[in-house]
PDB file of N, CA and C in Angstrom:
ATOM      1  N   MET A   1      28.574 102.006 -59.090  1.00  0.00           N
ATOM      2  CA  MET A   1      28.713 100.951 -58.292  1.00  0.00           C
ATOM      3  C   MET A   1      30.281 100.808 -57.634  1.00  0.00           C
ATOM      4  N   ARG A   2      31.065 101.704 -58.360  1.00  0.00           N
ATOM      5  CA  ARG A   2      32.406 101.875 -57.663  1.00  0.00           C
ATOM      6  C   ARG A   2      32.486 102.210 -56.442  1.00  0.00           C
ATOM      7  N   VAL A   3      31.732 103.149 -55.943  1.00  0.00           N
ATOM      8  CA  VAL A   3      31.758 103.832 -54.618  1.00  0.00           C
ATOM      9  C   VAL A   3      31.576 102.747 -53.559  1.00  0.00           C
ATOM     10  N   GLU A   4      30.490 101.799 -53.819  1.00  0.00           N
ATOM     11  CA  GLU A   4      30.216 100.725 -53.179  1.00  0.00           C
ATOM     12  C   GLU A   4      31.303  99.864 -53.050  1.00  0.00           C
ATOM     13  N   VAL A   5      32.203  99.683 -53.713  1.00  0.00           N
ATOM     14  CA  VAL A   5      33.443  99.035 -53.664  1.00  0.00           C
ATOM     15  C   VAL A   5      34.432  99.513 -52.685  1.00  0.00           C
ATOM     16  N   LEU A   6      34.578 101.305 -52.978  1.00  0.00           N
ATOM     17  CA  LEU A   6      35.293 102.026 -52.041  1.00  0.00           C
ATOM     18  C   LEU A   6      34.789 101.465 -50.477  1.00  0.00           C
ATOM     19  N   TYR A   7      33.592 101.708 -50.218  1.00  0.00           N
ATOM     20  CA  TYR A   7      32.729 101.508 -49.026  1.00  0.00           C
ATOM     21  C   TYR A   7      33.038 100.178 -48.550  1.00  0.00           C
ATOM     22  N   LEU A   8      33.186  99.114 -49.602  1.00  0.00           N
ATOM     23  CA  LEU A   8      33.519  97.849 -48.980  1.00  0.00           C
ATOM     24  C   LEU A   8      34.844  97.705 -48.520  1.00  0.00           C
ATOM     25  N   ILE A   9      35.821  98.398 -49.202  1.00  0.00           N
ATOM     26  CA  ILE A   9      37.198  98.207 -48.618  1.00  0.00           C
ATOM     27  C   ILE A   9      37.387  98.878 -47.648  1.00  0.00           C
ATOM     28  N   VAL A  10      36.648 100.087 -47.157  1.00  0.00           N
ATOM     29  CA  VAL A  10      37.048 100.760 -45.945  1.00  0.00           C
ATOM     30  C   VAL A  10      36.612 100.360 -45.136  1.00  0.00           C
ATOM     31  N   ALA A  11      35.204  99.441 -45.005  1.00  0.00           N
ATOM     32  CA  ALA A  11      34.669  98.958 -43.945  1.00  0.00           C
ATOM     33  C   ALA A  11      35.589  97.931 -43.499  1.00  0.00           C
ATOM     34  N   ALA A  12      36.059  96.819 -44.651  1.00  0.00           N
ATOM     35  CA  ALA A  12      36.907  95.671 -44.340  1.00  0.00           C
ATOM     36  C   ALA A  12      38.160  96.331 -43.440  1.00  0.00           C
ATOM     37  N   VAL A  13      38.848  97.164 -43.810  1.00  0.00           N
ATOM     38  CA  VAL A  13      39.973  97.659 -43.433  1.00  0.00           C
ATOM     39  C   VAL A  13      39.574  98.263 -41.904  1.00  0.00           C
ATOM     40  N   PHE A  14      38.222  98.666 -41.502  1.00  0.00           N
ATOM     41  CA  PHE A  14      38.136  99.280 -40.388  1.00  0.00           C
ATOM     42  C   PHE A  14      37.969  98.054 -39.170  1.00  0.00           C
ATOM     43  N   ALA A  15      37.327  97.253 -39.997  1.00  0.00           N
ATOM     44  CA  ALA A  15      36.910  95.786 -39.258  1.00  0.00           C
ATOM     45  C   ALA A  15      38.080  95.403 -38.885  1.00  0.00           C
ATOM     46  N   HIS A  16      39.138  95.088 -39.552  1.00  0.00           N
ATOM     47  CA  HIS A  16      40.646  94.513 -39.358  1.00  0.00           C
ATOM     48  C   HIS A  16      41.316  95.450 -38.131  1.00  0.00           C
ATOM     49  N   LEU A  17      41.268  96.755 -38.398  1.00  0.00           N
ATOM     50  CA  LEU A  17      41.618  97.632 -37.385  1.00  0.00           C
ATOM     51  C   LEU A  17      40.984  97.356 -36.079  1.00  0.00           C
ATOM     52  N   VAL A  18      40.038  97.105 -35.706  1.00  0.00           N
ATOM     53  CA  VAL A  18      38.923  96.943 -34.740  1.00  0.00           C
ATOM     54  C   VAL A  18      39.441  95.689 -34.033  1.00  0.00           C
ATOM     55  N   SER A  19      39.496  94.552 -34.868  1.00  0.00           N
ATOM     56  CA  SER A  19      40.277  93.434 -34.323  1.00  0.00           C
ATOM     57  C   SER A  19      41.677  93.683 -33.879  1.00  0.00           C
ATOM     58  N   ILE A  20      42.177  94.118 -34.677  1.00  0.00           N
ATOM     59  CA  ILE A  20      43.942  94.423 -34.025  1.00  0.00           C
ATOM     60  C   ILE A  20      43.856  95.291 -32.676  1.00  0.00           C
ATOM     61  N   GLY A  21      42.857  95.877 -32.896  1.00  0.00           N
ATOM     62  CA  GLY A  21      42.694  97.161 -31.597  1.00  0.00           C
ATOM     63  C   GLY A  21      42.318  96.327 -30.395  1.00  0.00           C
ATOM     64  N   LEU A  22      41.304  95.262 -30.389  1.00  0.00           N
ATOM     65  CA  LEU A  22      41.064  94.327 -29.306  1.00  0.00           C
ATOM     66  C   LEU A  22      42.059  93.233 -28.734  1.00  0.00           C
ATOM     67  N   TYR A  23      42.738  92.848 -29.568  1.00  0.00           N
ATOM     68  CA  TYR A  23      44.024  91.954 -29.358  1.00  0.00           C
ATOM     69  C   TYR A  23      44.587  92.878 -28.524  1.00  0.00           C
ATOM     70  N   ALA A  24      45.137  94.080 -29.143  1.00  0.00           N
ATOM     71  CA  ALA A  24      46.326  94.695 -28.385  1.00  0.00           C
ATOM     72  C   ALA A  24      45.655  95.302 -26.879  1.00  0.00           C
ATOM     73  N   LEU A  25      44.413  95.355 -26.530  1.00  0.00           N
ATOM     74  CA  LEU A  25      43.378  95.505 -25.382  1.00  0.00           C
ATOM     75  C   LEU A  25      43.865  94.436 -24.521  1.00  0.00           C
ATOM     76  N   ALA A  26      43.889  93.040 -25.264  1.00  0.00           N
ATOM     77  CA  ALA A  26      44.219  91.722 -24.509  1.00  0.00           C
ATOM     78  C   ALA A  26      45.548  91.533 -23.790  1.00  0.00           C
ATOM     79  N   TYR A  27      46.468  92.046 -24.939  1.00  0.00           N
ATOM     80  CA  TYR A  27      47.929  91.890 -24.350  1.00  0.00           C
ATOM     81  C   TYR A  27      48.238  92.935 -23.454  1.00  0.00           C
ATOM     82  N   ALA A  28      47.798  94.423 -23.552  1.00  0.00           N
ATOM     83  CA  ALA A  28      47.848  95.096 -22.480  1.00  0.00           C
ATOM     84  C   ALA A  28      47.255  94.436 -21.185  1.00  0.00           C
ATOM     85  N   TRP A  29      46.071  94.082 -21.019  1.00  0.00           N
ATOM     86  CA  TRP A  29      45.633  93.406 -19.967  1.00  0.00           C
ATOM     87  C   TRP A  29      46.154  92.025 -19.480  1.00  0.00           C
ATOM     88  N   MET A  30      46.943  91.495 -20.380  1.00  0.00           N
ATOM     89  CA  MET A  30      47.508  90.247 -19.736  1.00  0.00           C
ATOM     90  C   MET A  30      49.058  90.733 -19.360  1.00  0.00           C
ATOM     91  N   ALA A  31      49.563  91.874 -19.993  1.00  0.00           N
ATOM     92  CA  ALA A  31      50.909  92.525 -19.483  1.00  0.00           C
ATOM     93  C   ALA A  31      50.639  92.878 -18.284  1.00  0.00           C
ATOM     94  N   GLN A  32      49.320  93.174 -17.364  1.00  0.00           N
ATOM     95  CA  GLN A  32      49.197  93.511 -16.122  1.00  0.00           C
ATOM     96  C   GLN A  32      49.110  92.381 -15.025  1.00  0.00           C
ATOM     97  N   HIS A  33      49.240  91.003 -15.929  1.00  0.00           N
ATOM     98  CA  HIS A  33      49.186  89.930 -14.875  1.00  0.00           C
ATOM     99  C   HIS A  33      50.223  89.180 -15.355  1.00  0.00           C
ATOM    100  N   PRO A  34      51.478  89.136 -14.640  1.00  0.00           N
ATOM    101  CA  PRO A  34      52.759  88.717 -15.320  1.00  0.00           C
ATOM    102  C   PRO A  34      52.498  87.026 -15.121  1.00  0.00           C
ATOM    103  N   GLU A  35      51.624  86.161 -14.628  1.00  0.00           N
ATOM    104  CA  GLU A  35      51.399  85.034 -14.724  1.00  0.00           C
ATOM    105  C   GLU A  35      50.971  84.487 -16.380  1.00  0.00           C
ATOM    106  N   LEU A  36      50.679  85.349 -17.072  1.00  0.00           N
ATOM    107  CA  LEU A  36      49.995  85.495 -18.277  1.00  0.00           C
ATOM    108  C   LEU A  36      51.180  85.860 -19.192  1.00  0.00           C
ATOM    109  N   GLY A  37      52.266  86.129 -18.899  1.00  0.00           N
ATOM    110  CA  GLY A  37      53.362  86.463 -19.958  1.00  0.00           C
ATOM    111  C   GLY A  37      53.458  88.108 -20.211  1.00  0.00           C
ATOM    112  N   SER A  38      54.293  88.320 -20.973  1.00  0.00           N
ATOM    113  CA  SER A  38      54.561  89.908 -20.950  1.00  0.00           C
ATOM    114  C   SER A  38      55.172  89.767 -22.546  1.00  0.00           C
ATOM    115  N   LEU A  39      55.349  91.050 -22.705  1.00  0.00           N
ATOM    116  CA  LEU A  39      56.189  91.544 -23.962  1.00  0.00           C
ATOM    117  C   LEU A  39      57.238  91.821 -23.765  1.00  0.00           C
ATOM    118  N   SER A  40      58.419  91.752 -24.352  1.00  0.00           N
ATOM    119  CA  SER A  40      59.800  92.273 -24.539  1.00  0.00           C
ATOM    120  C   SER A  40      60.586  92.560 -25.482  1.00  0.00           C
ATOM    121  N   GLY A  41      61.670  92.905 -25.090  1.00  0.00           N
ATOM    122  CA  GLY A  41      62.493  93.666 -26.454  1.00  0.00           C
ATOM    123  C   GLY A  41      62.376  95.001 -26.537  1.00  0.00           C
ATOM    124  N   GLU A  42      62.371  95.915 -27.414  1.00  0.00           N
ATOM    125  CA  GLU A  42      62.292  97.098 -27.400  1.00  0.00           C
ATOM    126  C   GLU A  42      60.885  97.814 -27.091  1.00  0.00           C
ATOM    127  N   THR A  43      60.456  97.651 -26.096  1.00  0.00           N
ATOM    128  CA  THR A  43      59.171  98.177 -25.787  1.00  0.00           C
ATOM    129  C   THR A  43      59.002  98.771 -24.073  1.00  0.00           C
ATOM    130  N   THR A  44      58.385  99.968 -24.159  1.00  0.00           N
ATOM    131  CA  THR A  44      58.053 100.546 -23.220  1.00  0.00           C
ATOM    132  C   THR A  44      56.834 100.305 -22.549  1.00  0.00           C
ATOM    133  N   GLY A  45      55.843  99.603 -22.529  1.00  0.00           N
ATOM    134  CA  GLY A  45      54.705  98.931 -22.516  1.00  0.00           C
ATOM    135  C   GLY A  45      53.628  99.968 -22.625  1.00  0.00           C
ATOM    136  N   SER A  46      53.885 101.221 -23.576  1.00  0.00           N
ATOM    137  CA  SER A  46      52.662 101.895 -24.052  1.00  0.00           C
ATOM    138  C   SER A  46      52.098 101.467 -24.843  1.00  0.00           C
ATOM    139  N   ALA A  47      50.912 102.235 -25.208  1.00  0.00           N
ATOM    140  CA  ALA A  47      49.184 101.531 -25.967  1.00  0.00           C
ATOM    141  C   ALA A  47      49.978 101.263 -27.408  1.00  0.00           C
ATOM    142  N   GLY A  48      50.993 102.112 -28.168  1.00  0.00           N
ATOM    143  CA  GLY A  48      51.566 102.055 -29.256  1.00  0.00           C
ATOM    144  C   GLY A  48      52.072 100.879 -29.337  1.00  0.00           C
ATOM    145  N   ASP A  49      53.046 100.551 -28.269  1.00  0.00           N
ATOM    146  CA  ASP A  49      53.737  99.187 -28.563  1.00  0.00           C
ATOM    147  C   ASP A  49      53.083  97.897 -28.654  1.00  0.00           C
ATOM    148  N   PHE A  50      52.076  97.744 -27.553  1.00  0.00           N
ATOM    149  CA  PHE A  50      50.769  96.836 -27.791  1.00  0.00           C
ATOM    150  C   PHE A  50      50.236  96.769 -29.311  1.00  0.00           C
ATOM    151  N   PHE A  51      49.692  97.781 -29.500  1.00  0.00           N
ATOM    152  CA  PHE A  51      49.048  97.801 -31.032  1.00  0.00           C
ATOM    153  C   PHE A  51      50.291  97.586 -32.087  1.00  0.00           C
ATOM    154  N   TYR A  52      51.345  98.088 -31.852  1.00  0.00           N
ATOM    155  CA  TYR A  52      52.600  97.797 -32.874  1.00  0.00           C
ATOM    156  C   TYR A  52      52.557  95.920 -32.789  1.00  0.00           C
ATOM    157  N   PHE A  53      52.571  95.372 -31.810  1.00  0.00           N
ATOM    158  CA  PHE A  53      52.808  94.279 -31.784  1.00  0.00           C
ATOM    159  C   PHE A  53      51.681  93.176 -32.090  1.00  0.00           C
ATOM    160  N   SER A  54      50.389  93.707 -32.203  1.00  0.00           N
ATOM    161  CA  SER A  54      49.287  93.089 -32.530  1.00  0.00           C
ATOM    162  C   SER A  54      49.209  93.341 -33.948  1.00  0.00           C
ATOM    163  N   VAL A  55      49.501  94.245 -34.827  1.00  0.00           N
ATOM    164  CA  VAL A  55      49.416  94.578 -35.999  1.00  0.00           C
ATOM    165  C   VAL A  55      50.308  93.323 -36.750  1.00  0.00           C
ATOM    166  N   ALA A  56      52.021  93.481 -35.877  1.00  0.00           N
ATOM    167  CA  ALA A  56      52.589  92.496 -36.591  1.00  0.00           C
ATOM    168  C   ALA A  56      51.912  91.115 -36.633  1.00  0.00           C
ATOM    169  N   CYS A  57      51.387  90.784 -35.555  1.00  0.00           N
ATOM    170  CA  CYS A  57      50.578  89.335 -35.271  1.00  0.00           C
ATOM    171  C   CYS A  57      49.824  89.030 -36.104  1.00  0.00           C
ATOM    172  N   TYR A  58      48.757  89.988 -36.187  1.00  0.00           N
ATOM    173  CA  TYR A  58      47.581  89.857 -37.043  1.00  0.00           C
ATOM    174  C   TYR A  58      48.083  89.613 -38.602  1.00  0.00           C
ATOM    175  N   THR A  59      48.952  90.579 -39.214  1.00  0.00           N
ATOM    176  CA  THR A  59      49.298  90.772 -40.533  1.00  0.00           C
ATOM    177  C   THR A  59      50.370  89.517 -40.893  1.00  0.00           C
ATOM    178  N   THR A  60      50.677  88.644 -39.845  1.00  0.00           N
ATOM    179  CA  THR A  60      51.731  87.717 -39.814  1.00  0.00           C
ATOM    180  C   THR A  60      53.071  88.321 -40.382  1.00  0.00           C
ATOM    181  N   LEU A  61      53.492  89.620 -39.853  1.00  0.00           N
ATOM    182  CA  LEU A  61      54.859  89.904 -40.497  1.00  0.00           C
ATOM    183  C   LEU A  61      56.020  89.152 -39.729  1.00  0.00           C
ATOM    184  N   GLY A  62      55.537  88.971 -38.447  1.00  0.00           N
ATOM    185  CA  GLY A  62      56.709  88.330 -37.793  1.00  0.00           C
ATOM    186  C   GLY A  62      56.881  89.320 -36.695  1.00  0.00           C
ATOM    187  N   PHE A  63      57.784  88.360 -35.507  1.00  0.00           N
ATOM    188  CA  PHE A  63      58.145  89.136 -34.381  1.00  0.00           C
ATOM    189  C   PHE A  63      59.701  89.839 -35.032  1.00  0.00           C
ATOM    190  N   GLY A  64      59.837  91.054 -34.336  1.00  0.00           N
ATOM    191  CA  GLY A  64      60.871  91.996 -34.592  1.00  0.00           C
ATOM    192  C   GLY A  64      61.636  92.381 -33.315  1.00  0.00           C
ATOM    193  N   GLU A  65      61.305  93.804 -33.226  1.00  0.00           N
ATOM    194  CA  GLU A  65      62.010  94.140 -31.856  1.00  0.00           C
ATOM    195  C   GLU A  65      61.347  93.912 -30.502  1.00  0.00           C
ATOM    196  N   ILE A  66      59.844  93.599 -30.953  1.00  0.00           N
ATOM    197  CA  ILE A  66      58.997  93.320 -29.714  1.00  0.00           C
ATOM    198  C   ILE A  66      58.661  91.900 -29.629  1.00  0.00           C
ATOM    199  N   PHE A  67      58.472  91.095 -28.690  1.00  0.00           N
ATOM    200  CA  PHE A  67      57.993  89.674 -29.018  1.00  0.00           C
ATOM    201  C   PHE A  67      57.503  89.319 -27.536  1.00  0.00           C
ATOM    202  N   ALA A  68      57.019  88.307 -27.505  1.00  0.00           N
ATOM    203  CA  ALA A  68      56.205  87.724 -26.359  1.00  0.00           C
ATOM    204  C   ALA A  68      56.792  86.674 -25.558  1.00  0.00           C
ATOM    205  N   ILE A  69      56.760  86.739 -24.380  1.00  0.00           N
ATOM    206  CA  ILE A  69      57.329  85.789 -23.340  1.00  0.00           C
ATOM    207  C   ILE A  69      56.323  85.334 -22.687  1.00  0.00           C
ATOM    208  N   GLY A  70      56.373  83.737 -22.259  1.00  0.00           N
ATOM    209  CA  GLY A  70      55.315  83.044 -21.578  1.00  0.00           C
ATOM    210  C   GLY A  70      54.032  82.568 -22.296  1.00  0.00           C
ATOM    211  N   PRO A  71      52.846  82.570 -21.553  1.00  0.00           N
ATOM    212  CA  PRO A  71      51.802  82.109 -22.251  1.00  0.00           C
ATOM    213  C   PRO A  71      51.100  82.899 -23.293  1.00  0.00           C
ATOM    214  N   ILE A  72      51.480  84.314 -23.050  1.00  0.00           N
ATOM    215  CA  ILE A  72      50.839  85.222 -24.163  1.00  0.00           C
ATOM    216  C   ILE A  72      51.220  84.861 -25.468  1.00  0.00           C
ATOM    217  N   ARG A  73      52.271  84.064 -25.644  1.00  0.00           N
ATOM    218  CA  ARG A  73      52.761  83.627 -26.751  1.00  0.00           C
ATOM    219  C   ARG A  73      51.581  82.881 -27.691  1.00  0.00           C
ATOM    220  N   ILE A  74      50.884  82.000 -26.879  1.00  0.00           N
ATOM    221  CA  ILE A  74      49.839  81.612 -27.298  1.00  0.00           C
ATOM    222  C   ILE A  74      48.690  82.134 -28.218  1.00  0.00           C
ATOM    223  N   VAL A  75      48.193  83.412 -27.390  1.00  0.00           N
ATOM    224  CA  VAL A  75      47.368  84.314 -27.661  1.00  0.00           C
ATOM    225  C   VAL A  75      47.931  84.964 -29.471  1.00  0.00           C
ATOM    226  N   ALA A  76      49.363  85.269 -29.390  1.00  0.00           N
ATOM    227  CA  ALA A  76      50.031  85.891 -30.417  1.00  0.00           C
ATOM    228  C   ALA A  76      49.786  85.025 -31.422  1.00  0.00           C
ATOM    229  N   ALA A  77      50.088  83.781 -31.319  1.00  0.00           N
ATOM    230  CA  ALA A  77      50.045  82.821 -32.440  1.00  0.00           C
ATOM    231  C   ALA A  77      48.577  82.601 -32.890  1.00  0.00           C
ATOM    232  N   LEU A  78      47.420  82.517 -32.132  1.00  0.00           N
ATOM    233  CA  LEU A  78      45.967  82.422 -32.363  1.00  0.00           C
ATOM    234  C   LEU A  78      45.769  83.744 -33.290  1.00  0.00           C
ATOM    235  N   GLU A  79      46.323  84.763 -33.005  1.00  0.00           N
ATOM    236  CA  GLU A  79      46.082  86.142 -33.593  1.00  0.00           C
ATOM    237  C   GLU A  79      46.378  86.304 -35.105  1.00  0.00           C
ATOM    238  N   GLY A  80      47.730  85.524 -35.023  1.00  0.00           N
ATOM    239  CA  GLY A  80      48.121  85.386 -36.481  1.00  0.00           C
ATOM    240  C   GLY A  80      47.278  84.508 -37.551  1.00  0.00           C
ATOM    241  N   LEU A  81      46.778  83.215 -36.916  1.00  0.00           N
ATOM    242  CA  LEU A  81      45.922  82.341 -37.708  1.00  0.00           C
ATOM    243  C   LEU A  81      44.557  83.440 -38.180  1.00  0.00           C
ATOM    244  N   ASN A  82      44.180  83.929 -36.723  1.00  0.00           N
ATOM    245  CA  ASN A  82      42.778  84.578 -36.940  1.00  0.00           C
ATOM    246  C   ASN A  82      42.974  85.852 -37.764  1.00  0.00           C
ATOM    247  N   GLY A  83      44.260  86.424 -38.073  1.00  0.00           N
ATOM    248  CA  GLY A  83      44.459  87.500 -39.181  1.00  0.00           C
ATOM    249  C   GLY A  83      44.448  87.105 -40.322  1.00  0.00           C
ATOM    250  N   LEU A  84      45.072  85.821 -40.559  1.00  0.00           N
ATOM    251  CA  LEU A  84      45.573  85.374 -42.083  1.00  0.00           C
ATOM    252  C   LEU A  84      44.080  84.720 -42.309  1.00  0.00           C
ATOM    253  N   VAL A  85      42.914  84.276 -41.658  1.00  0.00           N
ATOM    254  CA  VAL A  85      41.918  83.727 -42.284  1.00  0.00           C
ATOM    255  C   VAL A  85      40.885  85.307 -42.596  1.00  0.00           C
ATOM    256  N   LEU A  86      40.940  86.248 -41.523  1.00  0.00           N
ATOM    257  CA  LEU A  86      40.230  87.019 -41.906  1.00  0.00           C
ATOM    258  C   LEU A  86      40.608  88.053 -42.977  1.00  0.00           C
ATOM    259  N   ILE A  87      41.913  88.230 -43.225  1.00  0.00           N
ATOM    260  CA  ILE A  87      42.553  89.120 -44.288  1.00  0.00           C
ATOM    261  C   ILE A  87      41.903  88.104 -45.436  1.00  0.00           C
ATOM    262  N   THR A  88      42.381  86.905 -45.831  1.00  0.00           N
ATOM    263  CA  THR A  88      42.101  86.242 -46.817  1.00  0.00           C
ATOM    264  C   THR A  88      40.063  86.263 -47.295  1.00  0.00           C
ATOM    265  N   TRP A  89      39.748  86.159 -45.996  1.00  0.00           N
ATOM    266  CA  TRP A  89      38.209  86.146 -46.277  1.00  0.00           C
ATOM    267  C   TRP A  89      37.827  87.460 -46.803  1.00  0.00           C
ATOM    268  N   SER A  90      38.128  88.464 -46.224  1.00  0.00           N
ATOM    269  CA  SER A  90      38.191  89.937 -46.779  1.00  0.00           C
ATOM    270  C   SER A  90      38.453  90.011 -48.032  1.00  0.00           C
ATOM    271  N   ALA A  91      39.762  89.446 -48.667  1.00  0.00           N
ATOM    272  CA  ALA A  91      39.974  89.401 -50.192  1.00  0.00           C
ATOM    273  C   ALA A  91      38.741  88.761 -51.036  1.00  0.00           C
ATOM    274  N   SER A  92      38.628  87.653 -50.583  1.00  0.00           N
ATOM    275  CA  SER A  92      37.506  86.740 -51.512  1.00  0.00           C
ATOM    276  C   SER A  92      36.625  87.273 -51.433  1.00  0.00           C
ATOM    277  N   PHE A  93      35.969  88.015 -50.548  1.00  0.00           N
ATOM    278  CA  PHE A  93      34.380  88.661 -50.227  1.00  0.00           C
ATOM    279  C   PHE A  93      34.321  89.739 -51.185  1.00  0.00           C
ATOM    280  N   ALA A  94      35.804  90.645 -51.057  1.00  0.00           N
ATOM    281  CA  ALA A  94      35.788  91.583 -52.033  1.00  0.00           C
ATOM    282  C   ALA A  94      35.843  91.089 -53.570  1.00  0.00           C
ATOM    283  N   TYR A  95      36.554  90.258 -53.855  1.00  0.00           N
ATOM    284  CA  TYR A  95      36.376  89.635 -55.320  1.00  0.00           C
ATOM    285  C   TYR A  95      35.086  89.227 -55.779  1.00  0.00           C
ATOM    286  N   ALA A  96      34.364  88.142 -54.776  1.00  0.00           N
ATOM    287  CA  ALA A  96      33.235  88.072 -55.146  1.00  0.00           C
ATOM    288  C   ALA A  96      32.073  89.023 -55.414  1.00  0.00           C
ATOM    289  N   ALA A  97      32.392  90.042 -54.591  1.00  0.00           N
ATOM    290  CA  ALA A  97      31.334  91.111 -54.364  1.00  0.00           C
ATOM    291  C   ALA A  97      31.416  92.026 -55.822  1.00  0.00           C
ATOM    292  N   THR A  98      32.509  92.004 -56.278  1.00  0.00           N
ATOM    293  CA  THR A  98      32.984  92.748 -57.637  1.00  0.00           C
ATOM    294  C   THR A  98      33.067  92.142 -58.996  1.00  0.00           C
ATOM    295  N   SER A  99      32.975  90.802 -58.773  1.00  0.00           N
ATOM    296  CA  SER A  99      33.175  89.918 -59.768  1.00  0.00           C
ATOM    297  C   SER A  99      32.209  90.154 -60.850  1.00  0.00           C
ATOM    298  N   GLY A 100      32.601  90.519 -61.817  1.00  0.00           N
ATOM    299  CA  GLY A 100      32.068  91.069 -63.279  1.00  0.00           C
ATOM    300  C   GLY A 100      31.470  92.254 -63.242  1.00  0.00           C
ATOM    301  N   LEU A 101      32.128  93.361 -62.384  1.00  0.00           N
ATOM    302  CA  LEU A 101      31.951  94.802 -62.051  1.00  0.00           C
ATOM    303  C   LEU A 101      32.489  95.370 -63.286  1.00  0.00           C
ATOM    304  N   TRP A 102      33.648  94.881 -63.645  1.00  0.00           N
ATOM    305  CA  TRP A 102      34.279  95.707 -64.702  1.00  0.00           C
ATOM    306  C   TRP A 102      33.830  95.349 -66.233  1.00  0.00           C
ATOM    307  N   ASP A 103      33.399  94.076 -66.146  1.00  0.00           N
ATOM    308  CA  ASP A 103      32.448  94.031 -67.414  1.00  0.00           C
ATOM    309  C   ASP A 103      31.400  94.643 -67.609  1.00  0.00           C
ATOM    310  N   ARG A 104      30.584  94.644 -66.380  1.00  0.00           N
ATOM    311  CA  ARG A 104      29.058  95.240 -66.678  1.00  0.00           C
ATOM    312  C   ARG A 104      29.338  96.544 -67.234  1.00  0.00           C
ATOM    313  N   GLU A 105      30.473  97.224 -66.176  1.00  0.00           N
ATOM    314  CA  GLU A 105      30.388  98.737 -66.623  1.00  0.00           C
ATOM    315  C   GLU A 105      31.371  99.057 -67.409  1.00  0.00           C
ATOM    316  N   GLY A 106      32.013  98.270 -68.500  1.00  0.00           N
ATOM    317  CA  GLY A 106      32.735  98.383 -69.683  1.00  0.00           C
ATOM    318  C   GLY A 106      34.145  98.935 -69.653  1.00  0.00           C
ATOM    319  N   GLY A 107      34.735  98.598 -68.158  1.00  0.00           N
ATOM    320  CA  GLY A 107      36.166  99.250 -67.504  1.00  0.00           C
ATOM    321  C   GLY A 107      36.879  97.848 -67.277  1.00  0.00           C
TER     322      GLY A 107
END
C-alpha cells in the first residue's frame, strides 16, 4: 500500500506541474499581446521566466523580482487562488486516501 501512496504523491505533483505549465503558456501568450499586460522586473522574456512567475503565483509565494503589469495581474491572482485550492485539495485527498493506513499496517 505504501507504493500506492508514493504513486499518489507523484501523480499530484505532476498534475500541479502541468497546471503551472499551462499558466506559464498563458502568460507567454499574453506577453505577446501588449494590451493584455506583461511581466516586468528582472525578466528576459524566456520560458524559464514565465514558468518561475507561474510557480510563484500558483504556490502563493508572492511576487519578487518578476511581477505583472496590466490586465495580466487578474490571471496571476486567479492562479494563486486556483493553486491554493488545488494544493489543499491534493493534501486532503492524500490524507483521506491514506487515513488508517498506518494503523492497518502496524506502522
